[in-house]
Amino acid sequence: MTKRDVFEYALVRVVPRMERGECFNAGVIVYCRAHSYVAARTHLDEAKLLALDPKADVAGVRAALRGVEGLCEGGERAGQAAGDDAGRRFRWLIAPRSTVVQPGPVHTGLTADPAAEVERLLDLLVR
């Protein structure tokens, strides 16, 4: 049997107009402590965004989603968080915030391959 490790994940949601409370999934963040792994993958459905808010800043939302991916990657794209470990970057990303791009609640699971898990969850829950 393949060894499986605990992982945590949170969806990344887009809330175009906070006062209306409408949102849709635009990405997923996966963290696996056993592998010191954190990654995010995003997919913006522009038609959904514009259906909820015809005046939405599509470029701004895309930039925010790229920022989530960059923070997970670490290095120069992570800015001040570049030196932080994977767990700390994940915890920062899942902290509640009142912005157009927000994290959802954290869920857990078991996986033998966290990199495959992030792609599987993106296909299952976002696309």
N, C-alpha and C. Protein backbone atom coordinates (compact mmCIF):
# COMPACT_ATOMS: atom_id res chain seq x y z
N MET A 1 0.84 -1.18 0.00
CA MET A 1 0.00 0.00 0.00
C MET A 1 0.89 1.25 0.00
N THR A 2 0.53 2.23 -0.79
CA THR A 2 1.26 3.48 -0.89
C THR A 2 1.02 4.32 0.37
N LYS A 3 2.09 4.89 0.89
CA LYS A 3 1.97 5.75 2.07
C LYS A 3 1.26 7.04 1.68
N ARG A 4 0.24 7.38 2.45
CA ARG A 4 -0.48 8.62 2.21
C ARG A 4 -0.31 9.55 3.41
N ASP A 5 -0.20 10.82 3.12
CA ASP A 5 0.00 11.82 4.16
C ASP A 5 -1.19 12.77 4.21
N VAL A 6 -1.37 13.37 5.37
CA VAL A 6 -2.43 14.35 5.55
C VAL A 6 -2.09 15.61 4.75
N PHE A 7 -3.09 16.16 4.09
CA PHE A 7 -2.92 17.46 3.43
C PHE A 7 -4.12 18.33 3.78
N GLU A 8 -3.93 19.62 3.63
CA GLU A 8 -5.00 20.59 3.85
C GLU A 8 -5.20 21.36 2.55
N TYR A 9 -6.43 21.79 2.33
CA TYR A 9 -6.66 22.62 1.15
C TYR A 9 -7.77 23.63 1.43
N ALA A 10 -7.71 24.72 0.68
CA ALA A 10 -8.76 25.74 0.74
C ALA A 10 -9.03 26.21 -0.68
N LEU A 11 -10.27 26.45 -0.96
CA LEU A 11 -10.63 27.03 -2.25
C LEU A 11 -10.34 28.53 -2.22
N VAL A 12 -10.03 29.07 -3.37
CA VAL A 12 -9.88 30.51 -3.52
C VAL A 12 -11.14 30.98 -4.22
N ARG A 13 -11.83 31.91 -3.60
CA ARG A 13 -13.11 32.37 -4.12
C ARG A 13 -13.01 33.80 -4.62
N VAL A 14 -13.83 34.10 -5.62
CA VAL A 14 -13.95 35.46 -6.11
C VAL A 14 -15.32 35.97 -5.67
N VAL A 15 -15.32 37.10 -4.99
CA VAL A 15 -16.54 37.74 -4.50
C VAL A 15 -16.60 39.13 -5.16
N PRO A 16 -17.20 39.23 -6.35
CA PRO A 16 -17.14 40.48 -7.10
C PRO A 16 -17.78 41.67 -6.39
N ARG A 17 -18.88 41.43 -5.72
CA ARG A 17 -19.57 42.51 -5.00
C ARG A 17 -19.90 42.02 -3.61
N MET A 18 -19.12 42.47 -2.65
CA MET A 18 -19.24 41.98 -1.27
C MET A 18 -20.66 42.14 -0.72
N GLU A 19 -21.30 43.25 -1.05
CA GLU A 19 -22.62 43.52 -0.49
C GLU A 19 -23.66 42.50 -0.95
N ARG A 20 -23.41 41.84 -2.07
CA ARG A 20 -24.35 40.83 -2.55
C ARG A 20 -24.03 39.43 -2.04
N GLY A 21 -22.80 39.20 -1.64
CA GLY A 21 -22.42 37.91 -1.08
C GLY A 21 -22.28 36.78 -2.08
N GLU A 22 -22.36 37.08 -3.36
CA GLU A 22 -22.23 36.04 -4.39
C GLU A 22 -20.76 35.74 -4.62
N CYS A 23 -20.44 34.47 -4.83
CA CYS A 23 -19.04 34.11 -5.07
C CYS A 23 -18.97 32.88 -5.96
N PHE A 24 -17.78 32.65 -6.49
CA PHE A 24 -17.52 31.42 -7.24
C PHE A 24 -16.06 31.02 -7.03
N ASN A 25 -15.79 29.74 -7.20
CA ASN A 25 -14.45 29.21 -7.00
C ASN A 25 -13.56 29.55 -8.18
N ALA A 26 -12.33 30.01 -7.86
CA ALA A 26 -11.38 30.37 -8.91
C ALA A 26 -10.01 29.76 -8.68
N GLY A 27 -9.87 28.93 -7.67
CA GLY A 27 -8.57 28.31 -7.43
C GLY A 27 -8.59 27.43 -6.21
N VAL A 28 -7.46 26.77 -5.99
CA VAL A 28 -7.30 25.91 -4.82
C VAL A 28 -5.86 26.03 -4.32
N ILE A 29 -5.71 26.01 -3.00
CA ILE A 29 -4.40 26.02 -2.36
C ILE A 29 -4.26 24.71 -1.61
N VAL A 30 -3.16 24.00 -1.81
CA VAL A 30 -2.91 22.72 -1.15
C VAL A 30 -1.62 22.82 -0.33
N TYR A 31 -1.69 22.32 0.91
CA TYR A 31 -0.53 22.29 1.80
C TYR A 31 -0.38 20.89 2.39
N CYS A 32 0.83 20.35 2.31
CA CYS A 32 1.13 19.05 2.91
C CYS A 32 2.41 19.20 3.73
N ARG A 33 2.25 19.19 5.04
CA ARG A 33 3.38 19.40 5.95
C ARG A 33 4.46 18.33 5.77
N ALA A 34 4.05 17.08 5.60
CA ALA A 34 5.00 15.98 5.49
C ALA A 34 5.95 16.15 4.30
N HIS A 35 5.50 16.86 3.29
CA HIS A 35 6.31 17.08 2.09
C HIS A 35 6.83 18.51 1.99
N SER A 36 6.55 19.33 3.02
CA SER A 36 6.90 20.76 2.97
C SER A 36 6.43 21.37 1.64
N TYR A 37 5.20 21.05 1.30
CA TYR A 37 4.65 21.41 0.00
C TYR A 37 3.49 22.37 0.15
N VAL A 38 3.52 23.43 -0.63
CA VAL A 38 2.36 24.32 -0.76
C VAL A 38 2.31 24.77 -2.22
N ALA A 39 1.11 24.74 -2.78
CA ALA A 39 0.93 25.18 -4.17
C ALA A 39 -0.49 25.67 -4.36
N ALA A 40 -0.63 26.54 -5.31
CA ALA A 40 -1.97 27.02 -5.69
C ALA A 40 -2.08 26.96 -7.20
N ARG A 41 -3.26 26.63 -7.66
CA ARG A 41 -3.58 26.69 -9.07
C ARG A 41 -4.89 27.46 -9.19
N THR A 42 -4.97 28.31 -10.18
CA THR A 42 -6.17 29.12 -10.34
C THR A 42 -6.71 29.02 -11.76
N HIS A 43 -7.97 29.33 -11.88
CA HIS A 43 -8.65 29.36 -13.19
C HIS A 43 -9.79 30.37 -13.06
N LEU A 44 -9.68 31.48 -13.76
CA LEU A 44 -10.71 32.51 -13.69
C LEU A 44 -11.70 32.35 -14.84
N ASP A 45 -12.95 32.16 -14.49
CA ASP A 45 -14.04 32.11 -15.47
C ASP A 45 -14.53 33.55 -15.65
N GLU A 46 -14.02 34.22 -16.67
CA GLU A 46 -14.35 35.63 -16.89
C GLU A 46 -15.85 35.83 -17.12
N ALA A 47 -16.49 34.90 -17.81
CA ALA A 47 -17.92 35.04 -18.08
C ALA A 47 -18.71 35.05 -16.77
N LYS A 48 -18.34 34.19 -15.82
CA LYS A 48 -19.00 34.17 -14.51
C LYS A 48 -18.77 35.48 -13.78
N LEU A 49 -17.53 35.93 -13.79
CA LEU A 49 -17.18 37.17 -13.11
C LEU A 49 -18.02 38.33 -13.65
N LEU A 50 -18.07 38.45 -14.96
CA LEU A 50 -18.79 39.56 -15.57
C LEU A 50 -20.31 39.40 -15.46
N ALA A 51 -20.80 38.18 -15.32
CA ALA A 51 -22.23 37.96 -15.10
C ALA A 51 -22.63 38.47 -13.71
N LEU A 52 -21.73 38.28 -12.74
CA LEU A 52 -22.02 38.74 -11.38
C LEU A 52 -21.76 40.24 -11.21
N ASP A 53 -20.82 40.76 -11.98
CA ASP A 53 -20.51 42.19 -11.92
C ASP A 53 -19.96 42.65 -13.27
N PRO A 54 -20.82 43.20 -14.12
CA PRO A 54 -20.38 43.63 -15.45
C PRO A 54 -19.25 44.66 -15.43
N LYS A 55 -19.06 45.35 -14.31
CA LYS A 55 -18.00 46.36 -14.19
C LYS A 55 -16.77 45.83 -13.45
N ALA A 56 -16.68 44.53 -13.26
CA ALA A 56 -15.57 43.94 -12.50
C ALA A 56 -14.23 44.26 -13.14
N ASP A 57 -13.22 44.39 -12.32
CA ASP A 57 -11.85 44.63 -12.77
C ASP A 57 -11.19 43.26 -13.05
N VAL A 58 -11.40 42.76 -14.26
CA VAL A 58 -10.91 41.43 -14.62
C VAL A 58 -9.39 41.35 -14.47
N ALA A 59 -8.68 42.35 -14.93
CA ALA A 59 -7.21 42.35 -14.82
C ALA A 59 -6.78 42.35 -13.36
N GLY A 60 -7.48 43.09 -12.52
CA GLY A 60 -7.15 43.13 -11.10
C GLY A 60 -7.37 41.78 -10.42
N VAL A 61 -8.47 41.12 -10.77
CA VAL A 61 -8.75 39.79 -10.20
C VAL A 61 -7.69 38.79 -10.67
N ARG A 62 -7.34 38.84 -11.95
CA ARG A 62 -6.28 37.96 -12.47
C ARG A 62 -4.97 38.19 -11.72
N ALA A 63 -4.63 39.45 -11.49
CA ALA A 63 -3.38 39.78 -10.79
C ALA A 63 -3.41 39.23 -9.36
N ALA A 64 -4.54 39.33 -8.70
CA ALA A 64 -4.66 38.81 -7.33
C ALA A 64 -4.50 37.29 -7.32
N LEU A 65 -5.08 36.61 -8.30
CA LEU A 65 -4.95 35.15 -8.38
C LEU A 65 -3.51 34.75 -8.68
N ARG A 66 -2.84 35.49 -9.55
CA ARG A 66 -1.41 35.23 -9.81
C ARG A 66 -0.59 35.44 -8.54
N GLY A 67 -0.98 36.42 -7.75
CA GLY A 67 -0.30 36.68 -6.49
C GLY A 67 -0.39 35.51 -5.53
N VAL A 68 -1.55 34.87 -5.47
CA VAL A 68 -1.72 33.68 -4.63
C VAL A 68 -0.77 32.58 -5.10
N GLU A 69 -0.73 32.34 -6.41
CA GLU A 69 0.16 31.31 -6.95
C GLU A 69 1.61 31.66 -6.65
N GLY A 70 1.98 32.93 -6.82
CA GLY A 70 3.36 33.36 -6.59
C GLY A 70 3.79 33.21 -5.15
N LEU A 71 2.90 33.51 -4.22
CA LEU A 71 3.25 33.36 -2.81
C LEU A 71 3.53 31.90 -2.48
N CYS A 72 2.76 31.00 -3.08
CA CYS A 72 2.99 29.57 -2.84
C CYS A 72 4.33 29.12 -3.42
N GLU A 73 4.67 29.63 -4.59
CA GLU A 73 5.92 29.23 -5.24
C GLU A 73 7.15 29.64 -4.45
N GLY A 74 7.03 30.73 -3.71
CA GLY A 74 8.19 31.22 -2.97
C GLY A 74 9.11 31.99 -3.90
N GLY A 75 10.34 32.19 -3.49
CA GLY A 75 11.28 32.93 -4.31
C GLY A 75 10.85 34.38 -4.48
N GLU A 76 11.32 35.01 -5.54
CA GLU A 76 11.04 36.42 -5.78
C GLU A 76 9.55 36.73 -5.86
N ARG A 77 8.77 35.80 -6.40
CA ARG A 77 7.32 36.04 -6.56
C ARG A 77 6.60 36.11 -5.21
N ALA A 78 7.24 35.63 -4.14
CA ALA A 78 6.59 35.63 -2.83
C ALA A 78 6.83 36.91 -2.06
N GLY A 79 7.66 37.79 -2.59
CA GLY A 79 7.92 39.05 -1.89
C GLY A 79 8.53 38.83 -0.53
N GLN A 80 7.98 39.50 0.49
CA GLN A 80 8.52 39.40 1.85
C GLN A 80 8.38 38.00 2.43
N ALA A 81 7.46 37.22 1.92
CA ALA A 81 7.25 35.87 2.44
C ALA A 81 8.20 34.85 1.82
N ALA A 82 9.12 35.28 0.97
CA ALA A 82 10.02 34.37 0.26
C ALA A 82 10.78 33.45 1.21
N GLY A 83 11.16 33.95 2.37
CA GLY A 83 11.94 33.15 3.31
C GLY A 83 11.10 32.29 4.24
N ASP A 84 9.79 32.45 4.19
CA ASP A 84 8.91 31.68 5.08
C ASP A 84 8.78 30.24 4.59
N ASP A 85 8.54 29.33 5.52
CA ASP A 85 8.35 27.93 5.14
C ASP A 85 6.95 27.76 4.53
N ALA A 86 6.72 26.59 3.94
CA ALA A 86 5.46 26.31 3.24
C ALA A 86 4.25 26.48 4.15
N GLY A 87 4.36 26.02 5.38
CA GLY A 87 3.23 26.11 6.31
C GLY A 87 2.86 27.54 6.64
N ARG A 88 3.86 28.36 6.83
CA ARG A 88 3.58 29.76 7.16
C ARG A 88 2.95 30.49 5.97
N ARG A 89 3.42 30.20 4.77
CA ARG A 89 2.82 30.82 3.58
C ARG A 89 1.36 30.37 3.42
N PHE A 90 1.09 29.08 3.67
CA PHE A 90 -0.28 28.57 3.58
C PHE A 90 -1.18 29.27 4.60
N ARG A 91 -0.72 29.36 5.83
CA ARG A 91 -1.51 29.99 6.89
C ARG A 91 -1.80 31.46 6.56
N TRP A 92 -0.84 32.14 5.97
CA TRP A 92 -1.06 33.54 5.60
C TRP A 92 -2.15 33.61 4.52
N LEU A 93 -2.11 32.71 3.55
CA LEU A 93 -3.07 32.73 2.45
C LEU A 93 -4.49 32.38 2.88
N ILE A 94 -4.63 31.54 3.91
CA ILE A 94 -5.97 31.13 4.32
C ILE A 94 -6.58 32.04 5.38
N ALA A 95 -5.83 33.04 5.82
CA ALA A 95 -6.37 33.99 6.80
C ALA A 95 -7.57 34.73 6.19
N PRO A 96 -8.66 34.86 6.96
CA PRO A 96 -9.84 35.56 6.42
C PRO A 96 -9.50 36.99 6.01
N ARG A 97 -10.12 37.42 4.93
CA ARG A 97 -9.94 38.80 4.46
C ARG A 97 -11.19 39.25 3.72
N SER A 98 -11.39 40.54 3.70
CA SER A 98 -12.54 41.13 3.02
C SER A 98 -12.08 41.80 1.73
N THR A 99 -11.76 40.97 0.76
CA THR A 99 -11.33 41.47 -0.54
C THR A 99 -12.10 40.72 -1.62
N VAL A 100 -11.88 41.07 -2.85
CA VAL A 100 -12.57 40.40 -3.95
C VAL A 100 -12.12 38.95 -4.07
N VAL A 101 -10.82 38.68 -3.82
CA VAL A 101 -10.30 37.31 -3.84
C VAL A 101 -10.09 36.88 -2.38
N GLN A 102 -10.80 35.81 -1.99
CA GLN A 102 -10.80 35.37 -0.59
C GLN A 102 -10.58 33.86 -0.48
N PRO A 103 -10.00 33.42 0.64
CA PRO A 103 -9.90 31.97 0.87
C PRO A 103 -11.21 31.45 1.45
N GLY A 104 -11.51 30.20 1.12
CA GLY A 104 -12.65 29.53 1.73
C GLY A 104 -12.18 28.77 2.96
N PRO A 105 -13.06 27.99 3.57
CA PRO A 105 -12.67 27.20 4.74
C PRO A 105 -11.64 26.13 4.37
N VAL A 106 -10.89 25.70 5.37
CA VAL A 106 -9.86 24.67 5.18
C VAL A 106 -10.48 23.28 5.35
N HIS A 107 -10.10 22.38 4.46
CA HIS A 107 -10.53 20.98 4.50
C HIS A 107 -9.27 20.11 4.54
N THR A 108 -9.43 18.86 4.90
CA THR A 108 -8.29 17.94 4.96
C THR A 108 -8.56 16.68 4.16
N GLY A 109 -7.49 15.96 3.87
CA GLY A 109 -7.59 14.69 3.18
C GLY A 109 -6.28 13.94 3.30
N LEU A 110 -6.18 12.84 2.59
CA LEU A 110 -4.96 12.03 2.55
C LEU A 110 -4.50 11.93 1.10
N THR A 111 -3.19 12.02 0.91
CA THR A 111 -2.67 11.93 -0.46
C THR A 111 -1.27 11.33 -0.46
N ALA A 112 -0.93 10.66 -1.53
CA ALA A 112 0.43 10.17 -1.74
C ALA A 112 1.20 11.14 -2.62
N ASP A 113 0.48 12.07 -3.27
CA ASP A 113 1.10 12.98 -4.22
C ASP A 113 0.42 14.36 -4.16
N PRO A 114 0.94 15.26 -3.32
CA PRO A 114 0.29 16.57 -3.17
C PRO A 114 0.22 17.36 -4.48
N ALA A 115 1.21 17.24 -5.35
CA ALA A 115 1.19 17.97 -6.62
C ALA A 115 0.03 17.49 -7.50
N ALA A 116 -0.22 16.21 -7.50
CA ALA A 116 -1.35 15.68 -8.26
C ALA A 116 -2.67 16.10 -7.62
N GLU A 117 -2.67 16.22 -6.30
CA GLU A 117 -3.88 16.59 -5.57
C GLU A 117 -4.36 18.00 -5.95
N VAL A 118 -3.43 18.91 -6.09
CA VAL A 118 -3.81 20.28 -6.43
C VAL A 118 -4.47 20.32 -7.81
N GLU A 119 -3.97 19.55 -8.74
CA GLU A 119 -4.58 19.50 -10.08
C GLU A 119 -5.94 18.80 -10.04
N ARG A 120 -6.03 17.73 -9.27
CA ARG A 120 -7.30 17.00 -9.16
C ARG A 120 -8.39 17.90 -8.56
N LEU A 121 -8.04 18.63 -7.50
CA LEU A 121 -9.02 19.50 -6.86
C LEU A 121 -9.41 20.67 -7.76
N LEU A 122 -8.47 21.18 -8.51
CA LEU A 122 -8.79 22.27 -9.44
C LEU A 122 -9.81 21.79 -10.47
N ASP A 123 -9.58 20.61 -11.02
CA ASP A 123 -10.52 20.05 -12.00
C ASP A 123 -11.89 19.74 -11.37
N LEU A 124 -11.88 19.21 -10.16
CA LEU A 124 -13.11 18.79 -9.49
C LEU A 124 -13.95 19.97 -8.98
N LEU A 125 -13.28 20.97 -8.42
CA LEU A 125 -14.00 22.02 -7.69
C LEU A 125 -14.02 23.40 -8.34
N VAL A 126 -13.20 23.59 -9.36
CA VAL A 126 -13.09 24.93 -9.94
C VAL A 126 -13.49 24.98 -11.41
N ARG A 127 -12.93 24.10 -12.22
CA ARG A 127 -13.19 24.16 -13.67
C ARG A 127 -14.56 23.65 -14.04
